[in-house]
Amino acid sequence: MKRTGILHAELGGALATLGHTDLLLVVDAGFPVPRDAHRIDLALAENLPDLRTVLALIADELVVEGVVRAENVPSHNPRLDSWLRDRFPDAGFSTRPHAAVLGELAREAKVIVRTGAFEPWGNIGLYCGVDAPRWFGGEGVVVPEEYAGRV
């Protein structure tokens, strides 16, 4: 039996398929998941599981270089925005119009994980990155400028 980390077989397997620049969306209970999306539905009941728990568990397994959320989050759900910035301190942050998160961003995502969250604008995109020190730490390797600060 697996001792730690994500025990959900489908979610763990999906995370293992993600590579650099792939987008994973972790969404609330009301998110309109596209019919053809790779959907992993964890929702059991209201706030079971909640958004932050799922994001934190995923963050422990992925290198996240970018976080995208609806442009309403910083002003209309500042506690969530603050939590995201604390949890992903090395990631770049961006916003999109709410309609774009529900539409074009959802179509771009490689995987969409639905939570039971009843959280306003609780739809968060995570762009996968690379572990720069491990990737570029070899002797004689020239570190690209965009990763120099992370090595």
C-alpha atoms as a PDB file:
ATOM      1  CA  MET A   1       0.000   0.000   0.000  1.00  0.00           C
ATOM      2  CA  LYS A   2       1.181   3.521  -0.807  1.00  0.00           C
ATOM      3  CA  ARG A   3       2.246   5.230   2.401  1.00  0.00           C
ATOM      4  CA  THR A   4       1.919   8.952   1.588  1.00  0.00           C
ATOM      5  CA  GLY A   5       0.749  11.414  -0.986  1.00  0.00           C
ATOM      6  CA  ILE A   6      -2.264  11.084  -3.233  1.00  0.00           C
ATOM      7  CA  LEU A   7      -3.961   7.701  -2.860  1.00  0.00           C
ATOM      8  CA  HIS A   8      -6.619   8.239  -5.549  1.00  0.00           C
ATOM      9  CA  ALA A   9      -5.415   6.006  -8.393  1.00  0.00           C
ATOM     10  CA  GLU A  10      -6.855   8.012 -11.290  1.00  0.00           C
ATOM     11  CA  LEU A  11      -5.614  11.347  -9.930  1.00  0.00           C
ATOM     12  CA  GLY A  12      -2.159   9.992  -9.152  1.00  0.00           C
ATOM     13  CA  GLY A  13      -1.920   8.488 -12.623  1.00  0.00           C
ATOM     14  CA  ALA A  14      -3.057  11.700 -14.293  1.00  0.00           C
ATOM     15  CA  LEU A  15      -0.486  13.752 -12.393  1.00  0.00           C
ATOM     16  CA  ALA A  16       2.218  11.390 -13.607  1.00  0.00           C
ATOM     17  CA  THR A  17       1.314  12.225 -17.229  1.00  0.00           C
ATOM     18  CA  LEU A  18       1.845  15.979 -16.827  1.00  0.00           C
ATOM     19  CA  GLY A  19       4.907  17.630 -18.302  1.00  0.00           C
ATOM     20  CA  HIS A  20       6.405  21.078 -18.565  1.00  0.00           C
ATOM     21  CA  THR A  21       3.783  23.715 -19.532  1.00  0.00           C
ATOM     22  CA  ASP A  22       0.814  21.315 -19.175  1.00  0.00           C
ATOM     23  CA  LEU A  23      -2.231  22.843 -17.486  1.00  0.00           C
ATOM     24  CA  LEU A  24      -4.155  21.183 -14.672  1.00  0.00           C
ATOM     25  CA  LEU A  25      -7.386  22.810 -13.496  1.00  0.00           C
ATOM     26  CA  VAL A  26      -8.678  22.247  -9.966  1.00  0.00           C
ATOM     27  CA  VAL A  27     -12.266  23.437  -9.929  1.00  0.00           C
ATOM     28  CA  ASP A  28     -15.265  23.933  -7.671  1.00  0.00           C
ATOM     29  CA  ALA A  29     -18.403  21.827  -7.553  1.00  0.00           C
ATOM     30  CA  GLY A  30     -20.284  23.988 -10.043  1.00  0.00           C
ATOM     31  CA  PHE A  31     -17.668  24.169 -12.788  1.00  0.00           C
ATOM     32  CA  PRO A  32     -19.008  23.328 -16.276  1.00  0.00           C
ATOM     33  CA  VAL A  33     -16.446  20.653 -17.218  1.00  0.00           C
ATOM     34  CA  PRO A  34     -16.343  20.170 -20.999  1.00  0.00           C
ATOM     35  CA  ARG A  35     -17.734  16.815 -22.125  1.00  0.00           C
ATOM     36  CA  ASP A  36     -14.498  15.742 -23.797  1.00  0.00           C
ATOM     37  CA  ALA A  37     -12.174  16.792 -20.946  1.00  0.00           C
ATOM     38  CA  HIS A  38     -10.133  14.346 -18.866  1.00  0.00           C
ATOM     39  CA  ARG A  39     -12.313  14.826 -15.803  1.00  0.00           C
ATOM     40  CA  ILE A  40     -11.432  13.466 -12.392  1.00  0.00           C
ATOM     41  CA  ASP A  41     -14.410  13.960 -10.125  1.00  0.00           C
ATOM     42  CA  LEU A  42     -13.567  13.961  -6.417  1.00  0.00           C
ATOM     43  CA  ALA A  43     -16.742  15.763  -5.284  1.00  0.00           C
ATOM     44  CA  LEU A  44     -18.673  13.898  -2.578  1.00  0.00           C
ATOM     45  CA  ALA A  45     -20.710  16.637  -0.897  1.00  0.00           C
ATOM     46  CA  GLU A  46     -20.523  20.351  -0.187  1.00  0.00           C
ATOM     47  CA  ASN A  47     -16.844  21.175   0.481  1.00  0.00           C
ATOM     48  CA  LEU A  48     -15.862  17.490   0.504  1.00  0.00           C
ATOM     49  CA  PRO A  49     -13.129  17.665  -0.496  1.00  0.00           C
ATOM     50  CA  ASP A  50     -12.472  21.378  -0.263  1.00  0.00           C
ATOM     51  CA  LEU A  51     -10.414  23.296  -2.802  1.00  0.00           C
ATOM     52  CA  ARG A  52      -7.420  24.085  -0.596  1.00  0.00           C
ATOM     53  CA  THR A  53      -6.927  20.484   0.530  1.00  0.00           C
ATOM     54  CA  VAL A  54      -6.891  19.211  -3.044  1.00  0.00           C
ATOM     55  CA  LEU A  55      -4.606  22.011  -4.245  1.00  0.00           C
ATOM     56  CA  ALA A  56      -2.191  21.438  -1.352  1.00  0.00           C
ATOM     57  CA  LEU A  57      -1.975  17.696  -2.011  1.00  0.00           C
ATOM     58  CA  ILE A  58      -1.409  18.259  -5.726  1.00  0.00           C
ATOM     59  CA  ALA A  59       1.187  20.960  -5.000  1.00  0.00           C
ATOM     60  CA  ASP A  60       3.168  18.459  -2.939  1.00  0.00           C
ATOM     61  CA  GLU A  61       3.479  16.264  -6.044  1.00  0.00           C
ATOM     62  CA  LEU A  62       3.924  18.777  -8.888  1.00  0.00           C
ATOM     63  CA  VAL A  63       6.372  21.503  -9.770  1.00  0.00           C
ATOM     64  CA  VAL A  64       4.114  24.495 -10.420  1.00  0.00           C
ATOM     65  CA  GLU A  65       5.558  27.415 -12.349  1.00  0.00           C
ATOM     66  CA  GLY A  66       2.331  29.272 -13.035  1.00  0.00           C
ATOM     67  CA  VAL A  67      -1.004  29.843 -11.330  1.00  0.00           C
ATOM     68  CA  VAL A  68      -3.954  31.268 -13.235  1.00  0.00           C
ATOM     69  CA  ARG A  69      -7.270  32.286 -11.749  1.00  0.00           C
ATOM     70  CA  ALA A  70     -10.260  34.433 -12.636  1.00  0.00           C
ATOM     71  CA  GLU A  71      -9.600  38.158 -12.523  1.00  0.00           C
ATOM     72  CA  ASN A  72     -12.268  38.365  -9.773  1.00  0.00           C
ATOM     73  CA  VAL A  73     -10.215  36.334  -7.293  1.00  0.00           C
ATOM     74  CA  PRO A  74      -7.802  39.035  -6.031  1.00  0.00           C
ATOM     75  CA  SER A  75     -10.622  41.512  -5.362  1.00  0.00           C
ATOM     76  CA  HIS A  76     -13.612  39.255  -4.622  1.00  0.00           C
ATOM     77  CA  ASN A  77     -11.964  36.327  -2.821  1.00  0.00           C
ATOM     78  CA  PRO A  78      -8.756  37.842  -1.398  1.00  0.00           C
ATOM     79  CA  ARG A  79      -8.368  35.096   1.225  1.00  0.00           C
ATOM     80  CA  LEU A  80      -8.108  32.503  -1.549  1.00  0.00           C
ATOM     81  CA  ASP A  81      -5.684  34.710  -3.481  1.00  0.00           C
ATOM     82  CA  SER A  82      -3.497  35.158  -0.402  1.00  0.00           C
ATOM     83  CA  TRP A  83      -3.554  31.405   0.289  1.00  0.00           C
ATOM     84  CA  LEU A  84      -2.522  30.676  -3.306  1.00  0.00           C
ATOM     85  CA  ARG A  85       0.381  33.123  -3.131  1.00  0.00           C
ATOM     86  CA  ASP A  86       1.563  31.565   0.140  1.00  0.00           C
ATOM     87  CA  ARG A  87       1.226  28.001  -1.185  1.00  0.00           C
ATOM     88  CA  PHE A  88       2.902  28.705  -4.546  1.00  0.00           C
ATOM     89  CA  PRO A  89       5.554  31.329  -3.667  1.00  0.00           C
ATOM     90  CA  ASP A  90       7.805  30.574  -6.650  1.00  0.00           C
ATOM     91  CA  ALA A  91       5.059  30.546  -9.286  1.00  0.00           C
ATOM     92  CA  GLY A  92       4.119  33.323 -11.638  1.00  0.00           C
ATOM     93  CA  PHE A  93       0.530  34.531 -11.198  1.00  0.00           C
ATOM     94  CA  SER A  94      -1.903  35.628 -13.876  1.00  0.00           C
ATOM     95  CA  THR A  95      -5.608  36.255 -14.256  1.00  0.00           C
ATOM     96  CA  ARG A  96      -8.154  35.702 -16.995  1.00  0.00           C
ATOM     97  CA  PRO A  97     -11.753  36.850 -17.356  1.00  0.00           C
ATOM     98  CA  HIS A  98     -14.104  34.478 -15.552  1.00  0.00           C
ATOM     99  CA  ALA A  99     -15.740  33.479 -18.842  1.00  0.00           C
ATOM    100  CA  ALA A 100     -12.318  32.543 -20.257  1.00  0.00           C
ATOM    101  CA  VAL A 101     -11.601  30.297 -17.258  1.00  0.00           C
ATOM    102  CA  LEU A 102     -14.916  28.523 -17.831  1.00  0.00           C
ATOM    103  CA  GLY A 103     -14.366  28.279 -21.595  1.00  0.00           C
ATOM    104  CA  GLU A 104     -10.999  28.489 -23.315  1.00  0.00           C
ATOM    105  CA  LEU A 105      -8.903  27.618 -20.244  1.00  0.00           C
ATOM    106  CA  ALA A 106     -11.062  24.558 -19.577  1.00  0.00           C
ATOM    107  CA  ARG A 107     -10.528  23.402 -23.176  1.00  0.00           C
ATOM    108  CA  GLU A 108      -6.757  23.952 -22.832  1.00  0.00           C
ATOM    109  CA  ALA A 109      -6.435  21.871 -19.644  1.00  0.00           C
ATOM    110  CA  LYS A 110      -4.929  18.420 -19.929  1.00  0.00           C
ATOM    111  CA  VAL A 111      -6.764  17.352 -16.745  1.00  0.00           C
ATOM    112  CA  ILE A 112      -9.645  18.907 -14.791  1.00  0.00           C
ATOM    113  CA  VAL A 113     -10.076  17.874 -11.153  1.00  0.00           C
ATOM    114  CA  ARG A 114     -13.530  18.650  -9.724  1.00  0.00           C
ATOM    115  CA  THR A 115     -13.716  19.175  -5.973  1.00  0.00           C
ATOM    116  CA  GLY A 116     -16.736  19.577  -3.734  1.00  0.00           C
ATOM    117  CA  ALA A 117     -15.793  23.206  -3.112  1.00  0.00           C
ATOM    118  CA  PHE A 118     -18.513  25.783  -2.691  1.00  0.00           C
ATOM    119  CA  GLU A 119     -15.993  28.607  -3.073  1.00  0.00           C
ATOM    120  CA  PRO A 120     -16.541  31.772  -5.125  1.00  0.00           C
ATOM    121  CA  TRP A 121     -14.257  31.736  -8.166  1.00  0.00           C
ATOM    122  CA  GLY A 122     -12.711  28.518  -6.869  1.00  0.00           C
ATOM    123  CA  ASN A 123     -11.300  27.437 -10.223  1.00  0.00           C
ATOM    124  CA  ILE A 124      -7.519  27.422 -10.255  1.00  0.00           C
ATOM    125  CA  GLY A 125      -5.168  26.534 -13.090  1.00  0.00           C
ATOM    126  CA  LEU A 126      -1.712  25.151 -12.371  1.00  0.00           C
ATOM    127  CA  TYR A 127       0.939  25.225 -15.100  1.00  0.00           C
ATOM    128  CA  CYS A 128       3.531  22.524 -14.613  1.00  0.00           C
ATOM    129  CA  GLY A 129       7.194  23.398 -14.481  1.00  0.00           C
ATOM    130  CA  VAL A 130      10.503  21.668 -13.987  1.00  0.00           C
ATOM    131  CA  ASP A 131      12.620  21.258 -10.874  1.00  0.00           C
ATOM    132  CA  ALA A 132      15.294  23.680 -12.090  1.00  0.00           C
ATOM    133  CA  PRO A 133      18.069  22.732  -9.627  1.00  0.00           C
ATOM    134  CA  ARG A 134      17.726  19.044 -10.488  1.00  0.00           C
ATOM    135  CA  TRP A 135      17.230  19.641 -14.201  1.00  0.00           C
ATOM    136  CA  PHE A 136      20.019  22.162 -14.758  1.00  0.00           C
ATOM    137  CA  GLY A 137      22.326  21.315 -11.847  1.00  0.00           C
ATOM    138  CA  GLY A 138      24.666  19.018 -13.768  1.00  0.00           C
ATOM    139  CA  GLU A 139      28.297  19.887 -14.246  1.00  0.00           C
ATOM    140  CA  GLY A 140      28.923  21.826 -17.436  1.00  0.00           C
ATOM    141  CA  VAL A 141      25.230  22.548 -18.052  1.00  0.00           C
ATOM    142  CA  VAL A 142      24.439  26.095 -19.119  1.00  0.00           C
ATOM    143  CA  VAL A 143      21.412  27.328 -17.202  1.00  0.00           C
ATOM    144  CA  PRO A 144      18.922  29.266 -19.351  1.00  0.00           C
ATOM    145  CA  GLU A 145      18.343  32.825 -18.181  1.00  0.00           C
ATOM    146  CA  GLU A 146      14.705  32.187 -17.225  1.00  0.00           C
ATOM    147  CA  TYR A 147      15.830  29.462 -14.763  1.00  0.00           C
ATOM    148  CA  ALA A 148      18.976  31.115 -13.409  1.00  0.00           C
ATOM    149  CA  GLY A 149      17.181  32.507 -10.347  1.00  0.00           C
ATOM    150  CA  ARG A 150      15.864  29.066  -9.414  1.00  0.00           C
ATOM    151  CA  VAL A 151      19.117  27.089  -9.606  1.00  0.00           C
END
